[in-house]
N, C-alpha and C. Protein backbone atom coordinates (compact mmCIF):
# COMPACT_ATOMS: atom_id res chain seq x y z
N MET A 1 93.75 -14.30 31.61
CA MET A 1 92.66 -14.90 31.19
C MET A 1 92.85 -16.57 31.24
N LYS A 2 91.51 -17.28 32.08
CA LYS A 2 91.95 -19.04 31.74
C LYS A 2 92.53 -19.14 29.97
N ASP A 3 93.21 -20.31 29.86
CA ASP A 3 93.08 -20.46 28.59
C ASP A 3 92.06 -21.53 28.15
N LEU A 4 91.80 -22.29 26.39
CA LEU A 4 90.76 -23.21 26.45
C LEU A 4 90.94 -24.78 27.44
N ASN A 5 92.10 -25.03 27.65
CA ASN A 5 91.68 -26.49 28.75
C ASN A 5 91.74 -26.27 29.65
N THR A 6 91.97 -24.77 30.13
CA THR A 6 91.19 -24.56 31.90
C THR A 6 90.19 -24.07 31.70
N TRP A 7 89.58 -23.93 30.78
CA TRP A 7 88.01 -23.52 30.48
C TRP A 7 87.12 -25.39 30.35
N PHE A 8 87.83 -25.61 29.29
CA PHE A 8 87.13 -27.15 29.10
C PHE A 8 87.53 -27.96 30.56
N LYS A 9 88.67 -28.19 30.98
CA LYS A 9 88.80 -28.45 32.63
C LYS A 9 87.28 -28.16 33.78
N ASP A 10 87.13 -26.85 33.90
CA ASP A 10 86.34 -26.12 34.89
C ASP A 10 84.89 -26.25 34.13
N LEU A 11 84.57 -26.97 33.14
CA LEU A 11 83.28 -27.25 32.53
C LEU A 11 82.94 -28.21 32.63
N THR A 12 83.86 -29.49 32.53
CA THR A 12 83.79 -30.94 33.24
C THR A 12 83.90 -31.14 34.29
N ASP A 13 84.51 -30.14 35.79
CA ASP A 13 84.10 -30.31 36.70
C ASP A 13 82.74 -30.39 37.53
N LEU A 14 82.74 -29.23 36.73
CA LEU A 14 80.60 -28.88 36.79
C LEU A 14 80.03 -29.71 36.53
N ALA A 15 80.41 -30.12 35.14
CA ALA A 15 79.42 -31.43 35.13
C ALA A 15 79.44 -32.27 35.87
N ARG A 16 80.42 -32.76 36.53
CA ARG A 16 80.44 -33.84 36.77
C ARG A 16 80.24 -33.94 38.76
N THR A 17 79.46 -32.58 38.70
CA THR A 17 79.13 -32.45 40.30
C THR A 17 77.84 -31.91 40.12
N THR A 18 77.21 -31.64 38.58
CA THR A 18 75.78 -31.47 38.42
C THR A 18 74.70 -32.78 38.04
N ASP A 19 73.86 -32.80 38.52
CA ASP A 19 72.68 -34.18 38.55
C ASP A 19 71.76 -33.97 37.36
N ASN A 20 71.59 -32.59 36.74
CA ASN A 20 70.81 -32.24 35.68
C ASN A 20 71.53 -31.58 34.67
N ASP A 21 71.54 -31.66 33.49
CA ASP A 21 72.42 -31.59 32.33
C ASP A 21 71.75 -30.38 31.73
N SER A 22 70.36 -29.88 31.84
CA SER A 22 70.10 -28.63 31.47
C SER A 22 70.56 -27.47 32.14
N SER A 23 71.03 -27.85 33.37
CA SER A 23 71.48 -26.76 33.71
C SER A 23 73.50 -26.45 33.58
N LEU A 24 72.95 -26.85 32.64
CA LEU A 24 75.13 -26.95 32.24
C LEU A 24 75.17 -26.00 31.52
N PRO A 25 76.09 -24.63 31.13
CA PRO A 25 76.10 -24.30 30.33
C PRO A 25 76.13 -24.59 29.08
N LYS A 26 75.32 -23.56 28.23
CA LYS A 26 75.45 -23.94 26.63
C LYS A 26 76.73 -23.44 26.09
N LEU A 27 77.21 -24.20 24.79
CA LEU A 27 78.16 -23.70 24.04
C LEU A 27 77.97 -24.03 22.42
N GLU A 28 78.82 -22.88 22.32
CA GLU A 28 79.29 -22.87 20.50
C GLU A 28 80.99 -23.28 20.46
N LEU A 29 80.96 -24.55 20.60
CA LEU A 29 82.50 -24.56 19.99
C LEU A 29 83.04 -24.52 18.30
N LEU A 30 83.64 -23.14 18.21
CA LEU A 30 84.29 -22.83 17.19
C LEU A 30 85.48 -23.26 16.93
N LEU A 31 85.64 -24.44 15.88
CA LEU A 31 86.61 -25.52 15.57
C LEU A 31 86.99 -24.52 14.21
N THR A 32 88.66 -25.18 14.13
CA THR A 32 89.60 -24.82 13.31
C THR A 32 89.33 -24.79 11.89
N ASN A 33 88.46 -25.46 11.82
CA ASN A 33 88.27 -26.16 10.31
C ASN A 33 87.14 -24.71 9.76
N GLY A 34 86.87 -23.92 10.78
CA GLY A 34 86.00 -23.17 10.20
C GLY A 34 84.26 -23.36 10.36
N ARG A 35 83.80 -24.41 10.98
CA ARG A 35 82.54 -25.03 11.78
C ARG A 35 82.29 -25.00 12.65
N SER A 36 81.53 -25.30 13.47
CA SER A 36 81.07 -25.26 14.68
C SER A 36 80.46 -26.26 15.12
N ILE A 37 80.26 -26.25 16.45
CA ILE A 37 79.65 -27.31 17.01
C ILE A 37 78.69 -26.88 18.49
N SER A 38 77.68 -27.19 18.42
CA SER A 38 76.75 -26.63 19.60
C SER A 38 76.46 -27.51 20.62
N GLY A 39 76.57 -27.49 21.91
CA GLY A 39 76.39 -27.95 23.10
C GLY A 39 76.47 -28.45 24.31
N ILE A 40 76.42 -28.75 25.15
CA ILE A 40 77.50 -29.11 26.71
C ILE A 40 78.54 -29.96 26.60
N ILE A 41 79.46 -29.59 27.72
CA ILE A 41 80.45 -30.78 27.82
C ILE A 41 80.09 -31.48 28.66
N VAL A 42 79.92 -32.71 29.03
CA VAL A 42 79.31 -33.42 29.90
C VAL A 42 80.17 -34.04 30.58
N GLU A 43 81.39 -34.48 29.78
CA GLU A 43 82.72 -35.42 30.27
C GLU A 43 84.21 -35.25 29.58
N SER A 44 85.13 -35.35 30.07
CA SER A 44 86.41 -34.94 28.67
C SER A 44 87.37 -36.37 29.96
N GLN A 45 88.49 -36.15 29.21
CA GLN A 45 89.65 -36.90 29.18
C GLN A 45 91.16 -36.04 28.81
N GLN A 46 92.03 -36.06 29.85
CA GLN A 46 93.34 -35.30 29.64
C GLN A 46 94.08 -36.38 28.93
N ARG A 47 94.53 -36.17 27.76
CA ARG A 47 95.55 -36.44 27.11
C ARG A 47 96.80 -35.57 26.48
N LYS A 48 97.57 -35.77 27.81
CA LYS A 48 98.68 -35.14 28.03
C LYS A 48 98.35 -33.38 27.48
N LYS A 49 98.80 -32.79 27.12
CA LYS A 49 98.32 -31.41 27.08
C LYS A 49 96.98 -30.88 26.39
N SER A 50 96.20 -31.73 26.04
CA SER A 50 95.16 -31.65 25.63
C SER A 50 93.85 -31.91 26.44
N HIS A 51 92.25 -32.18 25.47
CA HIS A 51 91.65 -33.01 26.36
C HIS A 51 90.66 -33.67 25.30
N LEU A 52 90.13 -35.07 25.44
CA LEU A 52 89.06 -35.26 24.80
C LEU A 52 87.50 -35.19 25.21
N LEU A 53 87.09 -34.59 24.69
CA LEU A 53 85.80 -33.77 24.86
C LEU A 53 84.40 -34.78 24.16
N MET A 54 83.44 -35.00 25.02
CA MET A 54 82.35 -35.43 25.00
C MET A 54 81.55 -34.33 24.99
N ILE A 55 80.55 -34.00 23.88
CA ILE A 55 79.89 -32.86 23.68
C ILE A 55 78.33 -33.40 23.45
N ALA A 56 77.51 -33.37 24.08
CA ALA A 56 76.15 -33.27 24.13
C ALA A 56 75.19 -33.02 23.87
N ASN A 57 74.19 -32.75 22.57
CA ASN A 57 73.49 -32.00 22.07
C ASN A 57 72.28 -32.45 21.95
N TYR A 58 71.04 -31.40 22.79
CA TYR A 58 70.12 -31.98 22.92
C TYR A 58 69.10 -31.38 21.88
N THR A 59 68.27 -32.01 20.75
CA THR A 59 67.51 -31.57 20.33
C THR A 59 66.33 -30.64 20.57
N ASN A 60 65.71 -31.42 22.08
CA ASN A 60 64.61 -30.99 22.69
C ASN A 60 64.61 -31.91 24.06
N HIS A 61 63.89 -31.70 25.30
CA HIS A 61 64.26 -32.02 26.65
C HIS A 61 63.74 -33.12 26.76
N TYR A 62 62.97 -34.26 25.58
CA TYR A 62 62.17 -35.49 25.60
C TYR A 62 63.20 -36.27 24.70
N SER A 63 64.39 -36.04 24.63
CA SER A 63 64.94 -37.01 23.25
C SER A 63 66.57 -37.43 24.42
N GLU A 64 67.17 -38.26 23.92
CA GLU A 64 68.06 -38.30 24.22
C GLU A 64 69.32 -37.44 23.39
N PRO A 65 70.47 -37.02 23.82
CA PRO A 65 71.06 -36.47 23.12
C PRO A 65 72.13 -36.77 22.10
N ASN A 66 72.73 -36.16 21.23
CA ASN A 66 73.77 -36.55 20.44
C ASN A 66 74.79 -36.20 20.85
N ILE A 67 75.56 -37.24 20.68
CA ILE A 67 76.77 -37.30 21.31
C ILE A 67 78.58 -37.20 20.23
N THR A 68 79.25 -36.03 20.67
CA THR A 68 80.17 -36.03 19.92
C THR A 68 81.02 -36.02 20.41
N ILE A 69 82.43 -36.75 20.12
CA ILE A 69 83.95 -36.96 20.73
C ILE A 69 84.56 -36.11 19.84
N ILE A 70 85.67 -35.23 20.36
CA ILE A 70 86.22 -34.35 19.69
C ILE A 70 87.52 -33.86 20.72
N LYS A 71 88.55 -33.88 19.62
CA LYS A 71 89.89 -33.59 20.63
C LYS A 71 89.67 -31.98 20.55
N SER A 72 90.18 -31.36 21.87
CA SER A 72 90.30 -30.14 22.38
C SER A 72 91.49 -28.97 21.47
N SER A 73 92.25 -29.73 20.55
CA SER A 73 93.03 -29.44 19.78
C SER A 73 92.15 -28.72 18.61
N GLN A 74 91.13 -29.57 18.27
CA GLN A 74 90.41 -29.33 17.06
C GLN A 74 90.05 -28.14 17.11
N ILE A 75 89.28 -27.41 18.42
CA ILE A 75 88.93 -26.14 18.58
C ILE A 75 89.61 -24.71 18.55
N ALA A 76 88.77 -24.19 18.15
CA ALA A 76 89.68 -22.39 18.20
C ALA A 76 89.38 -20.99 19.16
N GLY A 77 88.13 -21.99 19.65
CA GLY A 77 87.46 -20.98 20.46
C GLY A 77 86.02 -21.27 21.43
N LEU A 78 85.83 -20.92 21.91
CA LEU A 78 84.13 -20.97 22.52
C LEU A 78 83.30 -20.12 22.58
N THR A 79 82.26 -19.76 22.42
CA THR A 79 80.85 -19.11 22.85
C THR A 79 80.13 -19.41 23.66
N PHE A 80 79.58 -18.32 24.73
CA PHE A 80 79.03 -18.67 26.20
C PHE A 80 77.52 -18.68 25.31
N ILE A 81 76.55 -19.15 25.25
CA ILE A 81 74.74 -19.06 25.23
C ILE A 81 74.58 -18.31 26.41
N GLU A 82 74.34 -17.46 26.27
CA GLU A 82 73.28 -16.82 27.50
C GLU A 82 74.14 -16.25 28.71
N PRO A 83 75.40 -16.47 28.56
CA PRO A 83 76.59 -16.01 29.97
C PRO A 83 75.93 -15.82 30.93
N GLN A 84 75.23 -14.80 31.02
CA GLN A 84 74.33 -14.32 32.53
C GLN A 84 73.85 -15.38 33.21
N ASN A 85 73.24 -16.45 32.49
CA ASN A 85 73.01 -17.69 33.60
C ASN A 85 74.01 -18.06 34.43
N TYR A 86 75.28 -17.99 34.06
CA TYR A 86 76.25 -18.70 35.03
C TYR A 86 77.20 -17.79 35.11
N PRO A 87 76.77 -16.67 36.52
CA PRO A 87 77.84 -15.74 36.81
C PRO A 87 79.04 -16.64 37.72
N ARG A 88 79.01 -17.61 38.16
CA ARG A 88 79.74 -18.66 38.83
C ARG A 88 81.29 -18.60 38.01
N LEU A 89 80.83 -18.57 36.62
CA LEU A 89 81.98 -19.20 35.66
C LEU A 89 82.50 -18.35 35.33
N PHE A 90 82.41 -16.77 35.63
CA PHE A 90 83.22 -15.51 35.22
C PHE A 90 83.84 -14.53 36.50
N THR A 91 83.44 -15.07 37.62
CA THR A 91 84.01 -14.20 38.99
C THR A 91 84.96 -14.76 39.19
N SER A 92 85.84 -16.03 38.83
CA SER A 92 87.16 -15.90 39.11
C SER A 92 87.76 -16.18 38.72
N ASN A 93 87.98 -15.62 37.12
CA ASN A 93 88.44 -15.97 36.00
C ASN A 93 89.69 -15.65 36.51
N ASN A 94 90.37 -15.17 37.33
CA ASN A 94 92.15 -15.12 37.65
C ASN A 94 92.41 -16.17 38.40
N VAL A 95 93.36 -16.49 37.99
CA VAL A 95 94.12 -18.03 38.94
C VAL A 95 94.63 -17.47 39.68
N ASP A 96 94.89 -18.35 40.93
CA ASP A 96 95.39 -17.48 42.14
C ASP A 96 97.00 -18.13 41.83
N GLU A 97 97.87 -17.45 41.80
CA GLU A 97 99.26 -17.01 41.18
C GLU A 97 99.94 -18.53 42.29
N THR A 98 99.58 -18.58 43.60
CA THR A 98 100.39 -19.12 45.06
C THR A 98 99.99 -20.64 44.44
N GLN A 99 99.12 -20.92 43.64
CA GLN A 99 98.54 -22.12 42.98
C GLN A 99 99.48 -22.58 42.06
N LEU A 100 100.24 -22.22 41.21
CA LEU A 100 100.93 -22.30 40.25
C LEU A 100 101.88 -22.35 40.51
N THR A 101 102.28 -23.70 39.93
CA THR A 101 103.52 -24.61 40.20
C THR A 101 104.55 -24.49 38.63
N GLY A 102 105.69 -24.21 38.46
CA GLY A 102 106.22 -24.16 37.20
C GLY A 102 106.92 -25.26 37.28
N ALA A 103 107.38 -25.76 35.95
CA ALA A 103 107.98 -26.65 35.86
C ALA A 103 109.25 -27.27 36.57
N LEU A 104 109.96 -26.13 36.93
CA LEU A 104 111.45 -26.79 37.23
C LEU A 104 110.99 -26.77 38.95
N GLN A 105 110.16 -26.35 39.74
CA GLN A 105 109.83 -26.46 41.09
C GLN A 105 108.99 -27.77 40.96
N PHE A 106 108.50 -28.26 39.94
CA PHE A 106 107.77 -29.52 40.13
C PHE A 106 108.56 -30.27 40.05
N LYS A 107 109.56 -30.56 38.98
CA LYS A 107 110.30 -31.57 39.06
C LYS A 107 111.31 -31.54 39.92
N ARG A 108 111.92 -30.88 40.72
CA ARG A 108 112.58 -30.64 42.20
C ARG A 108 112.00 -31.12 42.90
N GLY A 109 110.64 -30.92 43.18
CA GLY A 109 109.97 -31.37 44.58
C GLY A 109 110.17 -32.89 44.42
N VAL A 110 109.51 -34.02 42.55
CA VAL A 110 109.32 -35.03 42.74
C VAL A 110 110.70 -35.34 42.93
N LYS A 111 111.68 -34.77 42.55
CA LYS A 111 113.13 -35.50 43.05
C LYS A 111 113.49 -35.51 44.63
N ASP A 112 113.02 -34.68 45.12
CA ASP A 112 113.26 -34.28 46.79
C ASP A 112 112.38 -35.56 47.34
N ALA A 113 111.12 -35.34 46.64
CA ALA A 113 110.14 -36.47 47.59
C ALA A 113 110.84 -37.95 47.35
N ALA A 114 111.06 -38.21 45.78
CA ALA A 114 111.21 -39.72 45.52
C ALA A 114 112.61 -40.20 46.40
N GLU A 115 113.89 -38.97 47.03
CA GLU A 115 115.13 -39.56 47.43
C GLU A 115 114.62 -39.70 48.72
N GLU A 116 113.50 -38.61 49.88
CA GLU A 116 113.55 -39.01 50.73
C GLU A 116 113.11 -40.29 50.99
N LEU A 117 111.43 -40.52 50.00
CA LEU A 117 110.96 -42.57 50.17
C LEU A 117 111.80 -43.13 50.27
N ASN A 118 112.08 -43.34 49.46
CA ASN A 118 113.53 -44.33 49.27
C ASN A 118 114.53 -44.26 50.44
N ASN A 119 114.63 -43.14 51.40
CA ASN A 119 115.47 -43.27 52.32
C ASN A 119 114.83 -43.89 53.33
N ILE A 120 113.48 -43.94 53.39
CA ILE A 120 112.88 -44.89 54.75
C ILE A 120 112.32 -46.26 54.02
N ILE A 121 111.69 -46.49 53.16
CA ILE A 121 111.70 -47.95 52.86
C ILE A 121 112.71 -49.17 52.23
N PRO A 122 112.49 -50.52 53.03
CA PRO A 122 113.64 -51.27 52.80
C PRO A 122 113.77 -51.63 51.04
N ALA A 123 112.53 -51.64 50.01
CA ALA A 123 113.11 -51.36 49.13
C ALA A 123 112.42 -50.41 48.25
N PRO A 124 113.62 -50.07 46.88
CA PRO A 124 113.35 -48.76 45.78
C PRO A 124 111.72 -48.84 45.74
N ILE A 125 111.00 -48.34 45.48
CA ILE A 125 109.47 -47.70 44.97
C ILE A 125 110.09 -46.19 43.92
N ASN A 126 109.53 -46.96 42.59
CA ASN A 126 109.66 -45.66 41.33
C ASN A 126 108.73 -44.97 41.54
N LEU A 127 108.66 -43.25 41.48
CA LEU A 127 107.36 -42.71 41.71
C LEU A 127 107.32 -42.42 39.75
N LEU A 128 105.69 -42.48 39.39
CA LEU A 128 106.04 -42.47 37.81
C LEU A 128 105.17 -41.30 37.79
N ILE A 129 106.06 -39.85 38.15
CA ILE A 129 105.13 -38.86 37.17
C ILE A 129 105.80 -38.03 36.42
N ASP A 130 104.78 -37.83 35.65
CA ASP A 130 104.85 -37.54 33.68
C ASP A 130 104.73 -35.69 34.40
N ILE A 131 105.33 -34.72 33.78
CA ILE A 131 104.75 -33.55 34.13
C ILE A 131 103.72 -32.86 33.00
N ASP A 132 104.09 -33.74 31.95
CA ASP A 132 103.07 -33.17 30.91
C ASP A 132 101.77 -34.04 31.14
N SER A 133 101.74 -34.50 31.77
CA SER A 133 100.28 -34.86 32.52
C SER A 133 99.42 -34.24 32.63
N TYR A 134 99.69 -33.51 33.54
CA TYR A 134 99.29 -32.18 34.31
C TYR A 134 99.19 -30.81 33.70
N LEU A 135 98.29 -29.97 33.92
CA LEU A 135 98.03 -28.68 33.99
C LEU A 135 98.82 -27.80 34.85
N GLU A 136 98.96 -26.93 34.50
CA GLU A 136 99.83 -26.25 35.34
C GLU A 136 99.24 -26.03 36.28
N THR A 137 97.39 -26.03 36.01
CA THR A 137 96.65 -25.31 37.81
C THR A 137 96.94 -26.88 38.81
N GLU A 138 97.47 -27.71 38.08
CA GLU A 138 97.07 -28.91 38.66
C GLU A 138 98.31 -29.52 39.31
N ARG A 139 99.30 -28.84 39.04
CA ARG A 139 100.77 -29.65 39.42
C ARG A 139 100.95 -29.35 41.02
N HIS A 140 100.15 -27.94 41.60
CA HIS A 140 100.41 -27.59 42.89
C HIS A 140 99.56 -28.74 43.68
N ILE A 141 98.38 -29.35 43.03
CA ILE A 141 97.54 -30.57 43.95
C ILE A 141 98.42 -31.12 44.29
N VAL A 142 99.40 -32.03 43.18
CA VAL A 142 99.98 -33.28 42.83
C VAL A 142 101.31 -33.19 44.03
N LEU A 143 102.01 -31.83 43.62
CA LEU A 143 103.14 -32.01 44.35
C LEU A 143 102.74 -31.63 45.84
N ASN A 144 101.69 -31.45 46.05
CA ASN A 144 101.32 -31.05 48.02
C ASN A 144 100.99 -32.58 48.29
N SER A 145 100.63 -33.61 47.42
CA SER A 145 100.01 -34.37 47.70
C SER A 145 101.51 -35.41 47.81
N LEU A 146 102.37 -35.10 46.90
CA LEU A 146 103.69 -36.03 46.68
C LEU A 146 104.42 -36.28 47.79
N LYS A 147 104.51 -34.57 48.39
CA LYS A 147 105.49 -34.48 49.58
C LYS A 147 104.92 -35.17 50.85
N LEU A 148 103.30 -35.94 50.98
CA LEU A 148 102.83 -36.83 52.08
C LEU A 148 103.59 -37.99 52.06
N ILE A 149 103.58 -38.40 50.60
CA ILE A 149 103.87 -39.93 50.64
C ILE A 149 105.02 -40.36 51.16
N PRO A 150 106.14 -39.63 51.52
CA PRO A 150 107.65 -40.30 52.60
C PRO A 150 106.80 -40.42 54.08
N ALA A 151 106.23 -39.49 55.01
CA ALA A 151 105.57 -40.05 55.82
C ALA A 151 104.22 -40.60 56.13
N VAL A 152 103.53 -40.74 54.81
CA VAL A 152 102.94 -41.87 54.62
C VAL A 152 103.13 -43.59 54.82
N PHE A 153 104.52 -43.78 53.75
CA PHE A 153 105.32 -44.95 53.52
C PHE A 153 106.46 -45.01 55.25
N LYS A 154 106.28 -43.65 55.89
CA LYS A 154 106.97 -44.12 57.27
C LYS A 154 106.47 -45.20 57.89
N GLU A 155 105.31 -44.39 58.18
CA GLU A 155 103.76 -45.37 59.27
C GLU A 155 103.91 -46.83 58.66
N LEU A 156 103.51 -46.98 57.24
CA LEU A 156 102.73 -48.03 56.60
C LEU A 156 104.34 -49.13 57.27
N THR A 157 105.47 -48.75 57.08
CA THR A 157 106.75 -49.41 57.45
C THR A 157 107.07 -49.59 58.69
N ALA A 158 106.04 -49.07 59.70
CA ALA A 158 106.90 -48.88 60.88
C ALA A 158 107.32 -50.37 61.13
N ASP A 159 106.64 -51.63 61.22
CA ASP A 159 107.07 -52.44 61.71
C ASP A 159 107.38 -53.56 61.10
N GLU A 160 107.81 -54.89 60.83
CA GLU A 160 108.06 -55.71 60.22
C GLU A 160 107.69 -55.82 59.22
N LEU A 161 105.84 -56.39 59.64
CA LEU A 161 105.06 -56.75 58.79
C LEU A 161 105.04 -55.53 57.72
N GLY A 162 104.38 -54.67 58.51
CA GLY A 162 104.25 -53.34 56.93
C GLY A 162 105.59 -53.72 55.89
N LYS A 163 106.78 -53.34 56.44
CA LYS A 163 107.98 -53.09 55.55
C LYS A 163 107.92 -54.64 54.57
N ARG A 164 107.53 -55.99 54.95
CA ARG A 164 107.22 -56.86 53.80
C ARG A 164 106.26 -56.73 53.17
N LEU A 165 105.15 -56.00 53.86
CA LEU A 165 104.01 -56.11 52.28
C LEU A 165 104.21 -54.98 51.97
N VAL A 166 105.29 -54.14 51.99
CA VAL A 166 105.38 -53.10 51.32
C VAL A 166 106.05 -53.15 50.00
N SER A 167 107.43 -54.05 50.65
CA SER A 167 108.52 -54.62 49.49
C SER A 167 107.81 -55.41 48.47
N GLU A 168 107.00 -56.46 49.27
CA GLU A 168 106.40 -57.47 48.34
C GLU A 168 105.18 -56.73 47.01
N LYS A 169 104.34 -55.92 47.36
CA LYS A 169 103.10 -55.37 46.85
C LYS A 169 103.40 -54.04 45.78
N ILE A 170 104.65 -53.50 46.53
CA ILE A 170 104.23 -52.11 45.74
C ILE A 170 105.98 -51.76 45.05
N LYS A 171 106.44 -51.51 43.91
CA LYS A 171 107.31 -51.40 43.12
C LYS A 171 107.14 -49.72 42.72
N THR A 172 105.81 -49.32 42.23
CA THR A 172 105.65 -47.88 41.74
C THR A 172 104.57 -47.50 42.21
N ILE A 173 104.52 -46.18 41.94
CA ILE A 173 103.40 -45.12 42.33
C ILE A 173 103.16 -44.13 41.04
N LYS A 174 101.89 -44.16 41.16
CA LYS A 174 101.81 -43.20 39.79
C LYS A 174 100.02 -42.51 40.64
N ILE A 175 100.62 -41.00 40.06
CA ILE A 175 99.27 -39.98 41.11
C ILE A 175 98.62 -39.38 39.49
N SER A 176 97.34 -39.69 40.01
CA SER A 176 96.49 -38.65 39.11
C SER A 176 95.37 -38.03 39.45
N ILE A 177 95.53 -37.37 38.66
CA ILE A 177 93.79 -36.01 39.27
C ILE A 177 92.68 -36.43 38.50
N GLY A 178 91.92 -36.38 39.65
CA GLY A 178 90.47 -37.03 39.38
C GLY A 178 89.47 -36.23 39.91
N SER A 179 87.63 -36.49 39.55
CA SER A 179 86.84 -36.25 40.76
C SER A 179 86.82 -36.52 41.87
N ALA A 180 87.27 -37.51 42.31
CA ALA A 180 87.39 -38.15 43.77
C ALA A 180 88.85 -39.05 43.59
N ASN A 181 88.83 -39.18 45.17
CA ASN A 181 89.73 -39.75 45.98
C ASN A 181 89.57 -41.24 45.88
N VAL A 182 90.57 -41.93 45.02
CA VAL A 182 90.46 -43.15 44.65
C VAL A 182 92.24 -43.64 44.59
N ALA A 183 92.34 -45.12 45.30
CA ALA A 183 93.66 -45.71 45.65
C ALA A 183 93.06 -46.94 44.40
N THR A 184 94.06 -47.96 44.16
CA THR A 184 94.23 -48.94 43.47
C THR A 184 95.87 -49.28 43.19
N LEU A 185 95.90 -51.15 43.69
CA LEU A 185 96.93 -51.79 43.31
C LEU A 185 96.95 -52.73 42.55
N ASN A 186 97.62 -52.49 41.61
CA ASN A 186 97.62 -53.58 40.44
C ASN A 186 99.18 -53.85 39.60
N ASP A 187 99.08 -55.03 39.93
CA ASP A 187 100.74 -55.57 39.53
C ASP A 187 101.84 -54.74 39.71
N GLN A 188 101.80 -54.33 41.73
CA GLN A 188 102.61 -53.83 42.22
C GLN A 188 102.96 -52.24 42.42
N ASN A 189 101.42 -51.86 41.24
CA ASN A 189 101.61 -50.23 40.96
C ASN A 189 100.78 -49.72 41.82
N LEU A 190 101.18 -49.13 42.64
CA LEU A 190 99.75 -48.08 43.31
C LEU A 190 99.41 -47.12 42.29
N GLU A 191 97.91 -46.57 41.94
CA GLU A 191 97.86 -45.68 41.91
C GLU A 191 96.81 -44.89 42.81
N LEU A 192 97.57 -43.45 42.81
CA LEU A 192 96.57 -42.53 43.88
C LEU A 192 96.07 -42.04 42.46
N ILE A 193 94.88 -41.75 42.92
CA ILE A 193 93.60 -40.68 42.16
C ILE A 193 93.51 -39.37 43.17
N ILE A 194 94.14 -38.02 43.23
CA ILE A 194 93.73 -37.16 43.44
C ILE A 194 92.39 -36.11 43.70
N LYS A 195 91.53 -36.10 44.78
CA LYS A 195 90.76 -35.20 44.04
C LYS A 195 91.34 -33.76 43.51
N ASN A 196 90.70 -33.50 42.33
CA ASN A 196 91.52 -31.82 41.83
C ASN A 196 90.66 -30.63 42.37
N THR A 197 90.73 -30.59 44.12
CA THR A 197 90.65 -29.57 44.79
C THR A 197 92.12 -29.62 46.02
N SER A 198 92.28 -28.36 46.63
CA SER A 198 93.13 -28.09 47.44
C SER A 198 93.06 -28.88 48.62
N PHE A 199 93.62 -29.96 49.41
CA PHE A 199 93.43 -30.31 50.67
C PHE A 199 93.57 -29.58 51.62
N ILE A 200 92.85 -29.69 52.68
CA ILE A 200 93.19 -28.54 54.11
C ILE A 200 93.95 -28.59 55.22
N SER A 201 94.03 -29.96 55.41
CA SER A 201 94.50 -30.42 56.30
C SER A 201 96.04 -31.23 55.81
N SER A 202 97.12 -31.13 56.21
CA SER A 202 98.03 -32.51 55.65
C SER A 202 97.75 -33.65 56.57
N SER A 203 97.62 -33.25 57.85
CA SER A 203 97.92 -34.56 59.17
C SER A 203 96.55 -35.42 58.34
N GLU A 204 95.62 -34.85 58.17
CA GLU A 204 93.92 -35.56 57.70
C GLU A 204 94.16 -36.06 56.55
N GLU A 205 94.85 -35.60 55.62
CA GLU A 205 94.97 -36.06 53.98
C GLU A 205 96.15 -37.33 54.06
N THR A 206 97.18 -37.06 55.24
CA THR A 206 98.10 -38.14 55.11
C THR A 206 97.80 -39.54 55.93
N GLU A 207 96.78 -38.99 56.91
CA GLU A 207 95.90 -40.25 57.35
C GLU A 207 95.09 -40.98 56.43
N ARG A 208 94.35 -39.53 55.68
CA ARG A 208 93.06 -40.54 54.41
C ARG A 208 94.30 -41.52 53.29
N ILE A 209 95.24 -41.13 52.76
CA ILE A 209 96.27 -41.69 52.45
C ILE A 209 96.45 -43.06 53.04
N LYS A 210 97.42 -43.12 54.10
CA LYS A 210 97.86 -43.69 54.63
C LYS A 210 96.58 -45.04 54.71
N THR A 211 95.11 -44.58 55.10
CA THR A 211 94.22 -45.67 55.35
C THR A 211 93.92 -46.80 53.72
N SER A 212 93.81 -45.54 52.86
CA SER A 212 93.09 -46.07 51.22
C SER A 212 94.38 -47.31 51.21
N ILE A 213 95.71 -47.27 51.60
CA ILE A 213 96.91 -48.02 51.04
C ILE A 213 96.87 -49.06 51.98
N GLU A 214 96.25 -48.96 52.84
CA GLU A 214 96.81 -50.40 54.42
C GLU A 214 95.67 -50.81 53.73
N ASN A 215 94.79 -50.79 53.04
CA ASN A 215 93.15 -51.35 53.12
C ASN A 215 93.45 -52.23 51.93
N LEU A 216 94.69 -51.89 50.90
CA LEU A 216 94.97 -52.62 49.76
C LEU A 216 96.04 -53.44 49.89
N LEU A 217 96.90 -53.68 51.02
CA LEU A 217 97.66 -54.42 51.52
C LEU A 217 97.17 -55.76 51.97
């Protein structure tokens, strides 16, 4: 059975891919103080082991919604109103165990990727990977992407121009989970936001990451 934070993530992902809020699951959120909030989850922001949730409550279909911002730690439970309208949410409650990555496995993977990366590039690059910033079900996505980074930088530094640009412009790499693939480079920090779904082809994903970084150099 999913924990509350996994439900919040799944409901947020659904909201981000839905154009019409009226089709989103209606909820009653039961708070730890005994009160409740009704509405739909339209957005959330991950804060280490919890989420900051944006709840929209429509009084009618013609008015703007009331918006409530609340920490997931203040929520004790949730009730789906008319759950039969959302069968897709309840047909895959069991997380595929092959996609769960334990803390020790994750830390070993980060260490191995960092060592392999710094054996390739001319100047050290630090990986800013905080295990507490990912849900357990997200670690495999981060780790699979991280394993591609050494190959990406091997291609980026294949000539002297590439080596110079990487050495001058990139000192740290941060990987985040988001609703779309985005790469940014600010103050020598390269941030790669990885789409929160597993990729199918490692070679295609390696090329995608390499191209996105090349466009920033």
